[in-house]
Amino acid sequence: MPKSNPSQEFNRLVDVVATLRSPEGCPWDREQTLESLAQFVLEEAYEVVDAIERGDTTALREEIGDHIFEGVLLAQVASELGVFGVDDALRTVADKLVRRHPHVFQDDGRLHDAASKERAPSADAALSRWDAQKAQERQAAGESRATLGGLPKGLPALLRAYTLGKRAAGVGFDWAGAGDVMAKIQEEVDELHEVVAPGGDNDRARAEEEMGDLLFAIANLSRKLDIEPEAALRKANEKFSQRFNALAQAVGAAGQRMQDMSIEALEEQWQRVKHL
């Protein structure tokens, strides 16, 4: 394997992207805007996560490259608009990392001595110092520590609910324990049941609201249990997909069609699939 030279390869990528955006470059790349690229940034992020969860390091290498490419392309578009360049974005993140790791770096950027009392003794201590530094930055920017501002609205809704609850809990606005959240979930289930049960008011707007409240409460239960809800739901989706495909194959192998079978027969077959 050739000797790694990240700086050289990164500069090459920057040059390639600039060429793609040039008059001699690609018509599709030239047409892209910050707004049009947003969807691709999300797609590439999900593909990185997918490769990690599948344990596919070959795919991960490519997906990380694609993800970095999207960042460079965004910076190139921003540079053409006269707002900032890729060097500004890199400098900003490097400065932030140094600033938010006072347990690693001194004020002048040098490393603390290995025996320094400034160093964090554990991951929890390091995270606390990161959070403290972040809170100071928010205060300096005129934000209160309790603010929920700055959280991207483009986050997946379940992950955003999880993070909103986490931020609120950071200032003491939280349930005492997971059991209290379970009680809240039951309350939300009961309220939703009032709307959708036979004889209920069948108000779609209210049903949507109650469903949202229920999902929000479930996200907070996940937080209390220290389970990242997006990851848990992705695993549940994959498990369902595998079992459903196995069900379809079993039904087909028996010379039947799922749409011709009763729900009882399908459930019986489903239970068999679950225990394979």
C-alpha atoms as a PDB file:
ATOM      1  CA  MET A   1       0.000   0.000   0.000  1.00  0.00           C
ATOM      2  CA  PRO A   2       1.434   3.436  -0.971  1.00  0.00           C
ATOM      3  CA  LYS A   3       2.423   5.818   1.808  1.00  0.00           C
ATOM      4  CA  SER A   4      -0.542   7.885   2.946  1.00  0.00           C
ATOM      5  CA  ASN A   5      -0.486  11.617   2.209  1.00  0.00           C
ATOM      6  CA  PRO A   6      -3.851  13.057   3.365  1.00  0.00           C
ATOM      7  CA  SER A   7      -2.904  16.667   2.579  1.00  0.00           C
ATOM      8  CA  GLN A   8      -1.981  15.826  -0.999  1.00  0.00           C
ATOM      9  CA  GLU A   9      -5.136  13.784  -1.560  1.00  0.00           C
ATOM     10  CA  PHE A  10      -7.356  16.445   0.011  1.00  0.00           C
ATOM     11  CA  ASN A  11      -5.835  19.170  -2.163  1.00  0.00           C
ATOM     12  CA  ARG A  12      -6.379  16.942  -5.200  1.00  0.00           C
ATOM     13  CA  LEU A  13     -10.050  16.547  -4.271  1.00  0.00           C
ATOM     14  CA  VAL A  14     -10.413  20.319  -3.875  1.00  0.00           C
ATOM     15  CA  ASP A  15      -8.893  20.825  -7.341  1.00  0.00           C
ATOM     16  CA  VAL A  16     -11.118  18.138  -8.894  1.00  0.00           C
ATOM     17  CA  VAL A  17     -14.246  19.750  -7.407  1.00  0.00           C
ATOM     18  CA  ALA A  18     -13.182  23.216  -8.591  1.00  0.00           C
ATOM     19  CA  THR A  19     -12.690  21.787 -12.100  1.00  0.00           C
ATOM     20  CA  LEU A  20     -16.127  20.148 -12.045  1.00  0.00           C
ATOM     21  CA  ARG A  21     -17.667  23.539 -11.191  1.00  0.00           C
ATOM     22  CA  SER A  22     -15.667  25.390 -13.855  1.00  0.00           C
ATOM     23  CA  PRO A  23     -16.977  26.304 -17.338  1.00  0.00           C
ATOM     24  CA  GLU A  24     -14.995  23.338 -18.674  1.00  0.00           C
ATOM     25  CA  GLY A  25     -16.454  21.013 -16.067  1.00  0.00           C
ATOM     26  CA  CYS A  26     -19.693  19.080 -15.585  1.00  0.00           C
ATOM     27  CA  PRO A  27     -23.058  20.723 -16.429  1.00  0.00           C
ATOM     28  CA  TRP A  28     -24.773  18.922 -13.527  1.00  0.00           C
ATOM     29  CA  ASP A  29     -22.151  19.976 -10.969  1.00  0.00           C
ATOM     30  CA  ARG A  30     -22.262  23.570 -12.226  1.00  0.00           C
ATOM     31  CA  GLU A  31     -26.034  23.716 -11.697  1.00  0.00           C
ATOM     32  CA  GLN A  32     -25.907  22.691  -8.036  1.00  0.00           C
ATOM     33  CA  THR A  33     -26.685  25.165  -5.244  1.00  0.00           C
ATOM     34  CA  LEU A  34     -26.336  24.990  -1.479  1.00  0.00           C
ATOM     35  CA  GLU A  35     -30.041  24.187  -1.310  1.00  0.00           C
ATOM     36  CA  SER A  36     -30.004  21.470  -3.970  1.00  0.00           C
ATOM     37  CA  LEU A  37     -27.052  19.724  -2.321  1.00  0.00           C
ATOM     38  CA  ALA A  38     -28.733  19.421   1.091  1.00  0.00           C
ATOM     39  CA  GLN A  39     -30.532  16.181   0.177  1.00  0.00           C
ATOM     40  CA  PHE A  40     -27.301  14.582  -1.034  1.00  0.00           C
ATOM     41  CA  VAL A  41     -25.497  15.446   2.200  1.00  0.00           C
ATOM     42  CA  LEU A  42     -28.211  13.583   4.115  1.00  0.00           C
ATOM     43  CA  GLU A  43     -28.132  10.620   1.735  1.00  0.00           C
ATOM     44  CA  GLU A  44     -24.352  10.278   2.004  1.00  0.00           C
ATOM     45  CA  ALA A  45     -24.512  10.493   5.806  1.00  0.00           C
ATOM     46  CA  TYR A  46     -27.040   7.657   5.897  1.00  0.00           C
ATOM     47  CA  GLU A  47     -24.905   5.571   3.546  1.00  0.00           C
ATOM     48  CA  VAL A  48     -21.918   6.012   5.878  1.00  0.00           C
ATOM     49  CA  VAL A  49     -24.043   4.829   8.808  1.00  0.00           C
ATOM     50  CA  ASP A  50     -25.345   1.892   6.774  1.00  0.00           C
ATOM     51  CA  ALA A  51     -21.812   0.747   5.915  1.00  0.00           C
ATOM     52  CA  ILE A  52     -20.811   0.972   9.584  1.00  0.00           C
ATOM     53  CA  GLU A  53     -23.806  -1.040  10.747  1.00  0.00           C
ATOM     54  CA  ARG A  54     -23.173  -3.701   8.092  1.00  0.00           C
ATOM     55  CA  GLY A  55     -19.521  -3.901   9.127  1.00  0.00           C
ATOM     56  CA  ASP A  56     -18.540  -3.338   5.483  1.00  0.00           C
ATOM     57  CA  THR A  57     -15.222  -1.486   5.707  1.00  0.00           C
ATOM     58  CA  THR A  58     -14.691  -1.548   1.928  1.00  0.00           C
ATOM     59  CA  ALA A  59     -17.997   0.279   1.407  1.00  0.00           C
ATOM     60  CA  LEU A  60     -17.217   2.542   4.378  1.00  0.00           C
ATOM     61  CA  ARG A  61     -13.993   3.742   2.721  1.00  0.00           C
ATOM     62  CA  GLU A  62     -15.961   4.807  -0.351  1.00  0.00           C
ATOM     63  CA  GLU A  63     -18.862   6.311   1.609  1.00  0.00           C
ATOM     64  CA  ILE A  64     -16.531   8.394   3.785  1.00  0.00           C
ATOM     65  CA  GLY A  65     -14.950   9.708   0.595  1.00  0.00           C
ATOM     66  CA  ASP A  66     -18.385  10.578  -0.820  1.00  0.00           C
ATOM     67  CA  HIS A  67     -19.315  12.339   2.420  1.00  0.00           C
ATOM     68  CA  ILE A  68     -16.131  14.422   2.388  1.00  0.00           C
ATOM     69  CA  PHE A  69     -16.745  15.218  -1.288  1.00  0.00           C
ATOM     70  CA  GLU A  70     -20.147  16.693  -0.424  1.00  0.00           C
ATOM     71  CA  GLY A  71     -18.507  18.960   2.156  1.00  0.00           C
ATOM     72  CA  VAL A  72     -15.880  20.124  -0.327  1.00  0.00           C
ATOM     73  CA  LEU A  73     -18.532  20.718  -2.991  1.00  0.00           C
ATOM     74  CA  LEU A  74     -20.603  22.800  -0.569  1.00  0.00           C
ATOM     75  CA  ALA A  75     -17.525  24.838   0.337  1.00  0.00           C
ATOM     76  CA  GLN A  76     -16.724  25.364  -3.355  1.00  0.00           C
ATOM     77  CA  VAL A  77     -20.239  26.697  -4.001  1.00  0.00           C
ATOM     78  CA  ALA A  78     -19.931  28.963  -0.945  1.00  0.00           C
ATOM     79  CA  SER A  79     -16.556  30.205  -2.212  1.00  0.00           C
ATOM     80  CA  GLU A  80     -18.088  31.124  -5.578  1.00  0.00           C
ATOM     81  CA  LEU A  81     -20.775  33.065  -3.690  1.00  0.00           C
ATOM     82  CA  GLY A  82     -18.026  34.959  -1.879  1.00  0.00           C
ATOM     83  CA  VAL A  83     -19.025  33.771   1.603  1.00  0.00           C
ATOM     84  CA  PHE A  84     -16.182  31.436   2.642  1.00  0.00           C
ATOM     85  CA  GLY A  85     -13.840  28.824   1.237  1.00  0.00           C
ATOM     86  CA  VAL A  86     -12.960  25.267   2.164  1.00  0.00           C
ATOM     87  CA  ASP A  87      -9.887  26.555   4.059  1.00  0.00           C
ATOM     88  CA  ASP A  88     -12.169  28.720   6.226  1.00  0.00           C
ATOM     89  CA  ALA A  89     -14.397  25.739   7.020  1.00  0.00           C
ATOM     90  CA  LEU A  90     -11.394  23.577   7.928  1.00  0.00           C
ATOM     91  CA  ARG A  91      -9.849  26.321  10.056  1.00  0.00           C
ATOM     92  CA  THR A  92     -13.152  26.841  11.870  1.00  0.00           C
ATOM     93  CA  VAL A  93     -13.564  23.195  12.815  1.00  0.00           C
ATOM     94  CA  ALA A  94      -9.907  22.786  13.828  1.00  0.00           C
ATOM     95  CA  ASP A  95     -10.093  25.909  16.005  1.00  0.00           C
ATOM     96  CA  LYS A  96     -13.301  24.634  17.594  1.00  0.00           C
ATOM     97  CA  LEU A  97     -11.808  21.228  18.334  1.00  0.00           C
ATOM     98  CA  VAL A  98      -8.787  22.819  20.021  1.00  0.00           C
ATOM     99  CA  ARG A  99     -11.011  25.256  21.940  1.00  0.00           C
ATOM    100  CA  ARG A 100     -13.407  22.554  23.164  1.00  0.00           C
ATOM    101  CA  HIS A 101     -10.633  20.230  24.282  1.00  0.00           C
ATOM    102  CA  PRO A 102      -8.957  22.320  27.003  1.00  0.00           C
ATOM    103  CA  HIS A 103      -8.039  18.993  28.635  1.00  0.00           C
ATOM    104  CA  VAL A 104      -5.862  18.186  25.620  1.00  0.00           C
ATOM    105  CA  PHE A 105      -4.659  21.544  24.263  1.00  0.00           C
ATOM    106  CA  GLN A 106      -3.266  24.592  26.039  1.00  0.00           C
ATOM    107  CA  ASP A 107      -4.414  28.081  25.064  1.00  0.00           C
ATOM    108  CA  ASP A 108      -1.541  28.370  22.597  1.00  0.00           C
ATOM    109  CA  GLY A 109      -2.442  25.053  20.939  1.00  0.00           C
ATOM    110  CA  ARG A 110       0.361  23.022  22.498  1.00  0.00           C
ATOM    111  CA  LEU A 111      -0.474  19.710  24.169  1.00  0.00           C
ATOM    112  CA  HIS A 112      -0.717  19.460  27.934  1.00  0.00           C
ATOM    113  CA  ASP A 113       1.954  17.372  29.550  1.00  0.00           C
ATOM    114  CA  ALA A 114       0.823  13.773  30.125  1.00  0.00           C
ATOM    115  CA  ALA A 115       0.946  14.310  33.908  1.00  0.00           C
ATOM    116  CA  SER A 116      -0.905  17.637  33.810  1.00  0.00           C
ATOM    117  CA  LYS A 117      -3.906  17.992  36.121  1.00  0.00           C
ATOM    118  CA  GLU A 118      -5.656  19.733  33.237  1.00  0.00           C
ATOM    119  CA  ARG A 119      -6.009  16.444  31.375  1.00  0.00           C
ATOM    120  CA  ALA A 120      -9.362  14.637  31.629  1.00  0.00           C
ATOM    121  CA  PRO A 121      -9.112  11.406  33.668  1.00  0.00           C
ATOM    122  CA  SER A 122     -12.044   9.714  31.895  1.00  0.00           C
ATOM    123  CA  ALA A 123     -14.398   9.913  28.922  1.00  0.00           C
ATOM    124  CA  ASP A 124     -17.166  11.285  31.172  1.00  0.00           C
ATOM    125  CA  ALA A 125     -14.871  14.015  32.473  1.00  0.00           C
ATOM    126  CA  ALA A 126     -13.845  14.879  28.909  1.00  0.00           C
ATOM    127  CA  LEU A 127     -17.499  15.138  27.841  1.00  0.00           C
ATOM    128  CA  SER A 128     -18.291  17.369  30.830  1.00  0.00           C
ATOM    129  CA  ARG A 129     -15.484  19.738  29.869  1.00  0.00           C
ATOM    130  CA  TRP A 130     -16.673  19.751  26.246  1.00  0.00           C
ATOM    131  CA  ASP A 131     -20.226  20.600  27.379  1.00  0.00           C
ATOM    132  CA  ALA A 132     -18.959  23.320  29.725  1.00  0.00           C
ATOM    133  CA  GLN A 133     -16.933  24.935  26.945  1.00  0.00           C
ATOM    134  CA  LYS A 134     -19.898  24.707  24.581  1.00  0.00           C
ATOM    135  CA  ALA A 135     -22.147  26.365  27.193  1.00  0.00           C
ATOM    136  CA  GLN A 136     -19.638  29.211  27.565  1.00  0.00           C
ATOM    137  CA  GLU A 137     -19.649  29.743  23.810  1.00  0.00           C
ATOM    138  CA  ARG A 138     -23.454  29.839  23.739  1.00  0.00           C
ATOM    139  CA  GLN A 139     -23.512  32.358  26.571  1.00  0.00           C
ATOM    140  CA  ALA A 140     -20.963  34.523  24.792  1.00  0.00           C
ATOM    141  CA  ALA A 141     -23.172  34.380  21.692  1.00  0.00           C
ATOM    142  CA  GLY A 142     -26.151  35.599  23.735  1.00  0.00           C
ATOM    143  CA  GLU A 143     -27.880  32.236  24.070  1.00  0.00           C
ATOM    144  CA  SER A 144     -29.111  30.928  27.402  1.00  0.00           C
ATOM    145  CA  ARG A 145     -27.968  27.453  28.453  1.00  0.00           C
ATOM    146  CA  ALA A 146     -31.581  26.279  28.398  1.00  0.00           C
ATOM    147  CA  THR A 147     -32.153  27.276  24.793  1.00  0.00           C
ATOM    148  CA  LEU A 148     -33.223  24.654  22.292  1.00  0.00           C
ATOM    149  CA  GLY A 149     -32.103  26.850  19.443  1.00  0.00           C
ATOM    150  CA  GLY A 150     -29.382  25.789  17.069  1.00  0.00           C
ATOM    151  CA  LEU A 151     -30.680  22.245  16.730  1.00  0.00           C
ATOM    152  CA  PRO A 152     -31.054  21.542  12.989  1.00  0.00           C
ATOM    153  CA  LYS A 153     -34.668  21.145  11.908  1.00  0.00           C
ATOM    154  CA  GLY A 154     -33.424  18.858   9.155  1.00  0.00           C
ATOM    155  CA  LEU A 155     -32.531  16.140  11.652  1.00  0.00           C
ATOM    156  CA  PRO A 156     -34.664  13.001  11.447  1.00  0.00           C
ATOM    157  CA  ALA A 157     -37.687  13.737  13.653  1.00  0.00           C
ATOM    158  CA  LEU A 158     -37.035  10.839  16.045  1.00  0.00           C
ATOM    159  CA  LEU A 159     -33.410  11.866  16.566  1.00  0.00           C
ATOM    160  CA  ARG A 160     -34.431  15.516  17.025  1.00  0.00           C
ATOM    161  CA  ALA A 161     -36.998  14.528  19.671  1.00  0.00           C
ATOM    162  CA  TYR A 162     -34.295  12.524  21.451  1.00  0.00           C
ATOM    163  CA  THR A 163     -31.882  15.479  21.365  1.00  0.00           C
ATOM    164  CA  LEU A 164     -34.517  18.021  22.442  1.00  0.00           C
ATOM    165  CA  GLY A 165     -35.278  15.865  25.477  1.00  0.00           C
ATOM    166  CA  LYS A 166     -31.577  15.548  26.227  1.00  0.00           C
ATOM    167  CA  ARG A 167     -31.061  19.303  26.125  1.00  0.00           C
ATOM    168  CA  ALA A 168     -34.085  19.943  28.313  1.00  0.00           C
ATOM    169  CA  ALA A 169     -32.856  17.311  30.776  1.00  0.00           C
ATOM    170  CA  GLY A 170     -29.503  19.103  30.885  1.00  0.00           C
ATOM    171  CA  VAL A 171     -31.145  21.976  32.758  1.00  0.00           C
ATOM    172  CA  GLY A 172     -33.227  19.750  35.026  1.00  0.00           C
ATOM    173  CA  PHE A 173     -36.450  19.547  33.015  1.00  0.00           C
ATOM    174  CA  ASP A 174     -36.846  15.777  32.971  1.00  0.00           C
ATOM    175  CA  TRP A 175     -38.676  12.777  34.380  1.00  0.00           C
ATOM    176  CA  ALA A 176     -37.165  11.219  37.494  1.00  0.00           C
ATOM    177  CA  GLY A 177     -36.824   7.771  35.934  1.00  0.00           C
ATOM    178  CA  ALA A 178     -37.786   5.506  33.056  1.00  0.00           C
ATOM    179  CA  GLY A 179     -40.892   4.356  34.949  1.00  0.00           C
ATOM    180  CA  ASP A 180     -42.277   7.893  34.886  1.00  0.00           C
ATOM    181  CA  VAL A 181     -41.798   8.050  31.134  1.00  0.00           C
ATOM    182  CA  MET A 182     -43.600   4.707  30.788  1.00  0.00           C
ATOM    183  CA  ALA A 183     -46.545   6.240  32.658  1.00  0.00           C
ATOM    184  CA  LYS A 184     -46.466   9.204  30.276  1.00  0.00           C
ATOM    185  CA  ILE A 185     -46.440   6.839  27.290  1.00  0.00           C
ATOM    186  CA  GLN A 186     -49.498   5.044  28.656  1.00  0.00           C
ATOM    187  CA  GLU A 187     -51.212   8.409  29.115  1.00  0.00           C
ATOM    188  CA  GLU A 188     -50.490   9.295  25.486  1.00  0.00           C
ATOM    189  CA  VAL A 189     -51.718   5.854  24.311  1.00  0.00           C
ATOM    190  CA  ASP A 190     -54.970   6.395  26.215  1.00  0.00           C
ATOM    191  CA  GLU A 191     -55.447   9.835  24.664  1.00  0.00           C
ATOM    192  CA  LEU A 192     -54.829   8.472  21.176  1.00  0.00           C
ATOM    193  CA  HIS A 193     -57.229   5.615  21.879  1.00  0.00           C
ATOM    194  CA  GLU A 194     -59.962   8.131  22.706  1.00  0.00           C
ATOM    195  CA  VAL A 195     -59.660   9.530  19.190  1.00  0.00           C
ATOM    196  CA  VAL A 196     -59.343   6.365  17.095  1.00  0.00           C
ATOM    197  CA  ALA A 197     -61.413   3.849  19.081  1.00  0.00           C
ATOM    198  CA  PRO A 198     -64.912   2.976  17.826  1.00  0.00           C
ATOM    199  CA  GLY A 199     -67.176   5.766  18.981  1.00  0.00           C
ATOM    200  CA  GLY A 200     -64.266   8.216  19.224  1.00  0.00           C
ATOM    201  CA  ASP A 201     -64.385  11.640  17.618  1.00  0.00           C
ATOM    202  CA  ASN A 202     -62.211  10.409  14.693  1.00  0.00           C
ATOM    203  CA  ASP A 203     -60.568  13.851  14.470  1.00  0.00           C
ATOM    204  CA  ARG A 204     -57.579  13.369  12.161  1.00  0.00           C
ATOM    205  CA  ALA A 205     -55.809  16.547  13.285  1.00  0.00           C
ATOM    206  CA  ARG A 206     -56.121  15.520  16.919  1.00  0.00           C
ATOM    207  CA  ALA A 207     -55.032  11.961  16.109  1.00  0.00           C
ATOM    208  CA  GLU A 208     -51.899  13.347  14.431  1.00  0.00           C
ATOM    209  CA  GLU A 209     -51.182  15.511  17.462  1.00  0.00           C
ATOM    210  CA  GLU A 210     -51.635  12.633  19.918  1.00  0.00           C
ATOM    211  CA  MET A 211     -49.512  10.341  17.752  1.00  0.00           C
ATOM    212  CA  GLY A 212     -46.762  12.981  17.770  1.00  0.00           C
ATOM    213  CA  ASP A 213     -46.970  13.240  21.563  1.00  0.00           C
ATOM    214  CA  LEU A 214     -46.734   9.458  21.841  1.00  0.00           C
ATOM    215  CA  LEU A 215     -43.674   9.263  19.576  1.00  0.00           C
ATOM    216  CA  PHE A 216     -42.036  12.123  21.465  1.00  0.00           C
ATOM    217  CA  ALA A 217     -42.576  10.314  24.763  1.00  0.00           C
ATOM    218  CA  ILE A 218     -41.140   7.091  23.286  1.00  0.00           C
ATOM    219  CA  ALA A 219     -38.042   9.013  22.137  1.00  0.00           C
ATOM    220  CA  ASN A 220     -37.592  10.243  25.694  1.00  0.00           C
ATOM    221  CA  LEU A 221     -37.945   6.722  27.094  1.00  0.00           C
ATOM    222  CA  SER A 222     -35.181   5.707  24.713  1.00  0.00           C
ATOM    223  CA  ARG A 223     -33.046   8.537  26.086  1.00  0.00           C
ATOM    224  CA  LYS A 224     -33.698   7.494  29.694  1.00  0.00           C
ATOM    225  CA  LEU A 225     -32.632   3.951  28.784  1.00  0.00           C
ATOM    226  CA  ASP A 226     -29.505   5.303  27.036  1.00  0.00           C
ATOM    227  CA  ILE A 227     -30.634   3.825  23.706  1.00  0.00           C
ATOM    228  CA  GLU A 228     -30.195   5.895  20.547  1.00  0.00           C
ATOM    229  CA  PRO A 229     -33.680   5.653  18.986  1.00  0.00           C
ATOM    230  CA  GLU A 230     -32.680   6.006  15.328  1.00  0.00           C
ATOM    231  CA  ALA A 231     -30.264   3.078  15.646  1.00  0.00           C
ATOM    232  CA  ALA A 232     -32.838   0.989  17.516  1.00  0.00           C
ATOM    233  CA  LEU A 233     -35.508   1.692  14.900  1.00  0.00           C
ATOM    234  CA  ARG A 234     -33.146   0.924  12.017  1.00  0.00           C
ATOM    235  CA  LYS A 235     -32.440  -2.471  13.587  1.00  0.00           C
ATOM    236  CA  ALA A 236     -36.164  -3.095  14.051  1.00  0.00           C
ATOM    237  CA  ASN A 237     -36.771  -2.133  10.408  1.00  0.00           C
ATOM    238  CA  GLU A 238     -34.094  -4.543   9.233  1.00  0.00           C
ATOM    239  CA  LYS A 239     -35.443  -7.354  11.416  1.00  0.00           C
ATOM    240  CA  PHE A 240     -38.955  -6.818  10.074  1.00  0.00           C
ATOM    241  CA  SER A 241     -37.697  -6.719   6.481  1.00  0.00           C
ATOM    242  CA  GLN A 242     -35.812  -9.994   6.848  1.00  0.00           C
ATOM    243  CA  ARG A 243     -38.746 -11.742   8.493  1.00  0.00           C
ATOM    244  CA  PHE A 244     -41.277 -10.400   6.013  1.00  0.00           C
ATOM    245  CA  ASN A 245     -39.126 -11.515   3.071  1.00  0.00           C
ATOM    246  CA  ALA A 246     -38.814 -14.948   4.667  1.00  0.00           C
ATOM    247  CA  LEU A 247     -42.599 -15.030   5.105  1.00  0.00           C
ATOM    248  CA  ALA A 248     -43.143 -14.126   1.441  1.00  0.00           C
ATOM    249  CA  GLN A 249     -40.697 -16.842   0.339  1.00  0.00           C
ATOM    250  CA  ALA A 250     -42.386 -19.456   2.543  1.00  0.00           C
ATOM    251  CA  VAL A 251     -45.823 -18.561   1.199  1.00  0.00           C
ATOM    252  CA  GLY A 252     -44.559 -18.630  -2.387  1.00  0.00           C
ATOM    253  CA  ALA A 253     -42.822 -21.975  -1.845  1.00  0.00           C
ATOM    254  CA  ALA A 254     -46.177 -23.380  -0.709  1.00  0.00           C
ATOM    255  CA  GLY A 255     -47.764 -22.263  -3.987  1.00  0.00           C
ATOM    256  CA  GLN A 256     -49.870 -19.551  -2.336  1.00  0.00           C
ATOM    257  CA  ARG A 257     -50.263 -15.793  -2.590  1.00  0.00           C
ATOM    258  CA  MET A 258     -50.219 -13.630   0.520  1.00  0.00           C
ATOM    259  CA  GLN A 259     -53.151 -11.521  -0.653  1.00  0.00           C
ATOM    260  CA  ASP A 260     -55.291 -14.662  -0.913  1.00  0.00           C
ATOM    261  CA  MET A 261     -54.571 -15.803   2.657  1.00  0.00           C
ATOM    262  CA  SER A 262     -56.468 -14.877   5.796  1.00  0.00           C
ATOM    263  CA  ILE A 263     -54.739 -12.741   8.426  1.00  0.00           C
ATOM    264  CA  GLU A 264     -54.904 -15.731  10.788  1.00  0.00           C
ATOM    265  CA  ALA A 265     -53.022 -17.930   8.304  1.00  0.00           C
ATOM    266  CA  LEU A 266     -50.450 -15.217   7.712  1.00  0.00           C
ATOM    267  CA  GLU A 267     -49.967 -14.735  11.439  1.00  0.00           C
ATOM    268  CA  GLU A 268     -49.432 -18.472  11.895  1.00  0.00           C
ATOM    269  CA  GLN A 269     -46.768 -18.449   9.180  1.00  0.00           C
ATOM    270  CA  TRP A 270     -45.232 -15.299  10.674  1.00  0.00           C
ATOM    271  CA  GLN A 271     -44.810 -17.013  14.028  1.00  0.00           C
ATOM    272  CA  ARG A 272     -43.029 -19.897  12.310  1.00  0.00           C
ATOM    273  CA  VAL A 273     -40.665 -17.451  10.580  1.00  0.00           C
ATOM    274  CA  LYS A 274     -39.912 -15.679  13.850  1.00  0.00           C
ATOM    275  CA  HIS A 275     -38.681 -18.881  15.434  1.00  0.00           C
ATOM    276  CA  LEU A 276     -36.459 -20.030  12.576  1.00  0.00           C
END
